[in-house]
Every structure is written in structure tokens, then in C-alpha cells.
């Protein structure tokens, strides 16, 4: 069977998964689909104050059942994306890769010298939901309109969610990983043309990552009543945009 519709993804020689390898100097980092075996590592990361301090969505404290539920969900999505690509290979063969609305890879892994792989973090692309808006009605209206747009519509506004093992912060890995996904898959294969991201105003590192990727700061939104699941109160969000 042709594998042209996988381009530019490679096939993992041991697992059969699709993956992307980061360029030098991070060529020992790959991006793969999620694996249920990642659960214990995710629990460890999500209970590390160096990580949960910056996260709004995950429960706290983070328990094994949370990781298993989350992995079941995102693995189902990744499996569905792989099925779409398998069907495209059957239907279109060696034709140029088609535009798709899915991404089958999101999990960052460090390949060790013995060939084993260590889970490092996650990157996801979702349609924007405007988490900075306090007006629930306005937020729902914008999110519903954005979600209703046809796949491949260049007016769709996307957002990026990500986290990385604290042990690997400050090494340029997340910048390289997001850039690789943008350049190799999200822009050419999904047709993404607009991305809006939000970072907490005190998360200088996250904002710097996106600015290195060409995102432009639009505004700072002050939030009076936002408290994270960890109990931390946040003062606001910086809003950054990338447009093709």
C-alpha cells in the first residue's frame, strides 16, 4: 500500500506508529501518538509544581485515573486520525497529500542511546475557545461559530496547548517541536492560517516561545476572578497571534 498520504511523517520501525523527528540539535526528540503507558509519567509531571503552576485545565492533585481517562480520549483521536490517513492512502495512492483536519502525533519523546523512549510532554492544536473572555455568552458564541466552520476553512482560528517535562525546560525543545509541527504538518497538511494563543502574564518563558515562532502580542487581558485548579490566582493573559 502507498504511504504517500503520510508525508512527511515516518513510520516507527518498532511500533508502526507515525512520527516526526526534530531537526538538529534535537534529533533525539520525536513526536508520536500518545500511548497508554505514558500515564505514570504524566501523573508525575502534573503533580510537579514547576509544571502545574502554569496549567489551567488539568485537575489537581492529578491522579492515575485522570491520566488514564485523558490518554484514552486523546489516543482515540490519534487513532481516528491514523485511520483517516490509511483510508487516504487506499483512495488516493501516490497522489499529492490531501488536506486533512487532524493530526495523529502530539507526544514528545526523547530517544535514549539504548533505543528506549522517555515521554517528555505534549502539543495539541485545537479550535480556539477564547479562554480569556469572562462573558460566557460571548465566549460560547465565538467558539460555536469557529467550531462550525468546514475543515480546511482558512478563517478557522486555532490554538496551541503544550507542556514539557520540567527537566527539559530552557533547552529550546518546545520551540523546535512546535515549529516542526507547524512547518511539516499543521500549515501544509491542515491548511491552518490563523492561530491565537494565550499565556499567563507571568509566564515569560511560554510567551517567549511563541514570539520566537513569529507570534505577535496583541493585548493583555486582566482577569479578576480566575483561580487555577491548583488554587493559584492568575492576574491576566497575554494574547498572541500568528497569521500566514
Protein backbone atom coordinates (compact mmCIF):
# COMPACT_ATOMS: atom_id res chain seq x y z
CA UNK A 1 0.00 0.00 0.00
CA UNK A 2 1.17 3.51 -0.77
CA UNK A 3 2.24 5.70 2.15
CA UNK A 4 2.23 8.99 0.23
CA UNK A 5 -0.60 10.38 2.36
CA UNK A 6 1.56 10.01 5.48
CA UNK A 7 4.05 12.56 4.16
CA UNK A 8 6.13 13.95 5.79
CA UNK A 9 5.56 11.55 8.70
CA UNK A 10 7.75 8.49 9.08
CA UNK A 11 6.76 5.02 10.28
CA UNK A 12 8.26 3.90 13.58
CA UNK A 13 10.27 0.73 12.96
CA UNK A 14 9.35 -0.81 16.33
CA UNK A 15 5.78 0.31 16.98
CA UNK A 16 4.43 1.03 13.50
CA UNK A 17 3.33 4.47 14.70
CA UNK A 18 3.66 7.61 12.64
CA UNK A 19 6.20 10.12 13.94
CA UNK A 20 8.23 13.24 13.21
CA UNK A 21 11.83 13.77 14.27
CA UNK A 22 13.01 17.20 15.37
CA UNK A 23 15.93 18.76 13.49
CA UNK A 24 19.42 19.17 14.94
CA UNK A 25 20.37 19.76 17.70
CA UNK A 26 17.26 17.96 18.97
CA UNK A 27 17.29 14.99 16.61
CA UNK A 28 16.95 12.62 19.57
CA UNK A 29 13.44 14.01 20.16
CA UNK A 30 10.49 12.57 18.24
CA UNK A 31 6.77 13.36 18.18
CA UNK A 32 4.48 10.32 18.22
CA UNK A 33 0.88 9.42 19.03
CA UNK A 34 0.01 9.12 22.73
CA UNK A 35 0.48 5.79 24.50
CA UNK A 36 -1.43 4.45 27.48
CA UNK A 37 1.92 3.54 29.05
CA UNK A 38 2.62 7.28 29.44
CA UNK A 39 0.15 7.50 32.35
CA UNK A 40 2.59 7.17 35.31
CA UNK A 41 4.95 9.76 33.83
CA UNK A 42 2.10 12.18 33.17
CA UNK A 43 0.93 11.84 36.78
CA UNK A 44 4.43 12.68 37.96
CA UNK A 45 4.69 15.74 35.71
CA UNK A 46 1.23 17.08 36.55
CA UNK A 47 1.97 17.00 40.27
CA UNK A 48 5.27 18.84 39.86
CA UNK A 49 4.88 22.49 40.96
CA UNK A 50 7.24 23.55 38.18
CA UNK A 51 4.51 22.42 35.77
CA UNK A 52 1.09 22.63 37.42
CA UNK A 53 1.82 26.23 38.42
CA UNK A 54 1.31 27.17 34.76
CA UNK A 55 -1.62 24.91 33.82
CA UNK A 56 -5.29 25.83 33.95
CA UNK A 57 -7.09 22.71 32.73
CA UNK A 58 -5.76 19.59 34.48
CA UNK A 59 -7.26 18.51 37.83
CA UNK A 60 -5.18 18.97 40.96
CA UNK A 61 -3.99 16.86 42.59
CA UNK A 62 -3.57 14.80 39.46
CA UNK A 63 -4.33 11.10 39.96
CA UNK A 64 -3.68 7.96 37.87
CA UNK A 65 -7.33 7.80 36.81
CA UNK A 66 -7.08 11.33 35.42
CA UNK A 67 -4.14 10.31 33.23
CA UNK A 68 -5.85 7.14 32.06
CA UNK A 69 -9.06 8.99 31.15
CA UNK A 70 -7.15 11.70 29.32
CA UNK A 71 -4.95 9.26 27.43
CA UNK A 72 -7.96 7.18 26.41
CA UNK A 73 -9.55 10.27 24.91
CA UNK A 74 -6.56 11.62 23.02
CA UNK A 75 -5.43 8.16 21.89
CA UNK A 76 -8.88 7.64 20.39
CA UNK A 77 -8.47 10.91 18.49
CA UNK A 78 -4.98 9.95 17.30
CA UNK A 79 -6.19 6.51 16.20
CA UNK A 80 -9.01 8.15 14.25
CA UNK A 81 -6.51 10.47 12.56
CA UNK A 82 -4.38 7.48 11.57
CA UNK A 83 -7.45 5.80 10.12
CA UNK A 84 -8.18 8.88 8.02
CA UNK A 85 -4.66 8.75 6.61
CA UNK A 86 -4.82 4.99 6.00
CA UNK A 87 -8.05 5.47 4.05
CA UNK A 88 -6.49 8.35 2.10
CA UNK A 89 -3.62 6.08 1.10
CA UNK A 90 -6.08 3.49 -0.16
CA UNK A 91 -8.16 6.05 -2.04
CA UNK A 92 -5.52 8.40 -3.44
CA UNK A 93 -2.40 6.25 -3.52
CA UNK A 94 0.64 8.17 -4.71
CA UNK A 95 -1.29 11.37 -5.44
CA UNK A 96 -0.11 14.55 -3.69
CA UNK A 97 -1.04 14.57 0.01
CA UNK A 98 -4.57 15.79 0.64
CA UNK A 99 -5.67 18.41 3.15
CA UNK A 100 -6.84 16.89 6.43
CA UNK A 101 -8.33 18.26 9.64
CA UNK A 102 -6.46 16.02 12.05
CA UNK A 103 -3.01 15.44 13.47
CA UNK A 104 -2.02 11.91 14.52
CA UNK A 105 1.02 12.91 16.58
CA UNK A 106 1.37 15.04 19.71
CA UNK A 107 3.57 13.28 22.30
CA UNK A 108 7.19 14.36 22.70
CA UNK A 109 9.68 11.57 23.41
CA UNK A 110 13.41 11.50 23.97
CA UNK A 111 15.14 8.54 22.33
CA UNK A 112 17.84 7.11 24.58
CA UNK A 113 21.10 5.53 23.44
CA UNK A 114 19.67 2.04 24.01
CA UNK A 115 16.66 2.85 21.82
CA UNK A 116 14.17 3.26 24.66
CA UNK A 117 11.96 6.34 24.69
CA UNK A 118 11.09 8.68 27.54
CA UNK A 119 7.85 10.67 27.42
CA UNK A 120 8.59 14.40 27.72
CA UNK A 121 5.40 16.31 27.02
CA UNK A 122 2.52 17.12 24.73
CA UNK A 123 1.49 19.56 22.00
CA UNK A 124 -2.06 19.89 20.75
CA UNK A 125 -3.83 22.07 18.21
CA UNK A 126 -7.49 22.82 18.90
CA UNK A 127 -10.00 25.26 17.54
CA UNK A 128 -9.88 28.43 19.61
CA UNK A 129 -12.28 28.72 22.57
CA UNK A 130 -11.39 32.22 23.86
CA UNK A 131 -10.48 31.26 27.47
CA UNK A 132 -9.64 34.87 28.27
CA UNK A 133 -13.24 36.05 27.88
CA UNK A 134 -15.18 36.44 31.12
CA UNK A 135 -18.50 36.89 29.26
CA UNK A 136 -19.71 33.28 28.94
CA UNK A 137 -22.31 34.08 26.29
CA UNK A 138 -19.80 35.89 24.08
CA UNK A 139 -17.27 33.09 24.58
CA UNK A 140 -19.76 30.38 23.62
CA UNK A 141 -20.94 32.33 20.59
CA UNK A 142 -17.42 32.76 19.23
CA UNK A 143 -16.44 29.16 19.97
CA UNK A 144 -19.57 27.72 18.36
CA UNK A 145 -19.11 29.79 15.21
CA UNK A 146 -15.47 28.74 14.98
CA UNK A 147 -16.31 25.06 15.56
CA UNK A 148 -19.00 25.13 12.86
CA UNK A 149 -16.62 26.07 10.06
CA UNK A 150 -15.80 23.44 7.46
CA UNK A 151 -12.48 21.62 7.73
CA UNK A 152 -9.78 23.44 5.80
CA UNK A 153 -11.52 26.82 6.03
CA UNK A 154 -8.67 29.36 6.29
CA UNK A 155 -10.78 31.54 8.58
CA UNK A 156 -10.74 28.90 11.34
CA UNK A 157 -8.89 30.22 14.37
CA UNK A 158 -6.72 27.62 16.08
CA UNK A 159 -5.00 27.50 19.44
CA UNK A 160 -2.00 25.59 20.81
CA UNK A 161 -1.74 23.80 24.14
CA UNK A 162 1.57 22.39 25.32
CA UNK A 163 3.67 21.28 28.25
CA UNK A 164 7.16 19.89 28.69
CA UNK A 165 8.91 17.97 31.45
CA UNK A 166 10.48 20.50 33.85
CA UNK A 167 13.81 18.68 33.49
CA UNK A 168 13.90 19.77 29.84
CA UNK A 169 12.85 23.41 30.18
CA UNK A 170 15.13 26.08 28.79
CA UNK A 171 16.70 23.93 26.08
CA UNK A 172 14.71 25.16 23.07
CA UNK A 173 12.87 21.85 22.71
CA UNK A 174 9.32 23.20 22.75
CA UNK A 175 10.15 25.96 20.28
CA UNK A 176 11.69 23.39 17.92
CA UNK A 177 8.80 20.97 18.36
CA UNK A 178 6.04 23.49 17.66
CA UNK A 179 7.97 24.88 14.69
CA UNK A 180 8.40 21.37 13.30
CA UNK A 181 4.69 20.61 13.62
CA UNK A 182 3.73 23.94 12.07
CA UNK A 183 6.12 23.65 9.14
CA UNK A 184 5.71 19.95 8.44
CA UNK A 185 2.06 19.24 9.21
CA UNK A 186 -0.24 21.94 10.56
CA UNK A 187 0.29 24.52 7.81
CA UNK A 188 0.82 22.31 4.72
CA UNK A 189 -1.45 19.39 5.63
CA UNK A 190 -4.21 21.04 7.68
CA UNK A 191 -4.28 24.40 5.92
CA UNK A 192 -4.05 26.35 9.18
CA UNK A 193 -3.71 30.08 8.58
CA UNK A 194 -4.60 31.68 11.94
CA UNK A 195 -3.52 30.76 15.45
CA UNK A 196 -4.36 32.63 18.65
CA UNK A 197 -2.62 31.65 21.88
CA UNK A 198 -2.96 32.77 25.47
CA UNK A 199 -0.21 32.75 28.07
CA UNK A 200 -0.44 33.80 31.70
CA UNK A 201 1.05 37.25 32.12
CA UNK A 202 3.72 35.93 34.49
CA UNK A 203 4.69 33.04 32.21
CA UNK A 204 7.52 34.82 30.44
CA UNK A 205 9.02 31.59 29.12
CA UNK A 206 5.86 30.50 27.32
CA UNK A 207 5.36 33.90 25.74
CA UNK A 208 8.98 33.89 24.59
CA UNK A 209 8.50 30.51 22.89
CA UNK A 210 5.64 31.85 20.79
CA UNK A 211 7.39 35.11 19.98
CA UNK A 212 10.35 33.10 18.66
CA UNK A 213 7.86 31.34 16.39
CA UNK A 214 6.64 34.62 14.93
CA UNK A 215 3.58 35.19 17.11
CA UNK A 216 2.79 38.85 17.75
CA UNK A 217 1.48 40.18 21.05
CA UNK A 218 -1.95 41.73 20.54
CA UNK A 219 -3.04 42.66 24.04
CA UNK A 220 -3.01 41.79 27.72
CA UNK A 221 -6.33 40.84 29.31
CA UNK A 222 -6.68 41.36 33.07
CA UNK A 223 -8.65 38.69 34.92
CA UNK A 224 -10.13 39.48 38.31
CA UNK A 225 -11.66 36.17 39.34
CA UNK A 226 -9.60 33.41 37.68
CA UNK A 227 -8.26 30.72 40.00
CA UNK A 228 -6.48 27.61 38.74
CA UNK A 229 -7.31 24.11 39.96
CA UNK A 230 -4.09 24.25 41.99
CA UNK A 231 -5.50 27.24 43.88
CA UNK A 232 -3.23 29.81 42.27
CA UNK A 233 -4.87 33.08 41.30
CA UNK A 234 -3.82 34.49 37.94
CA UNK A 235 -3.87 38.17 37.12
CA UNK A 236 -4.24 38.03 33.36
CA UNK A 237 -3.39 36.57 29.99
CA UNK A 238 -1.25 37.79 27.13
CA UNK A 239 -2.90 37.25 23.74
CA UNK A 240 -0.63 36.49 20.79
CA UNK A 241 -1.47 35.86 17.13
CA UNK A 242 0.17 34.12 14.22
CA UNK A 243 -1.24 34.63 10.73
CA UNK A 244 0.01 33.23 7.45
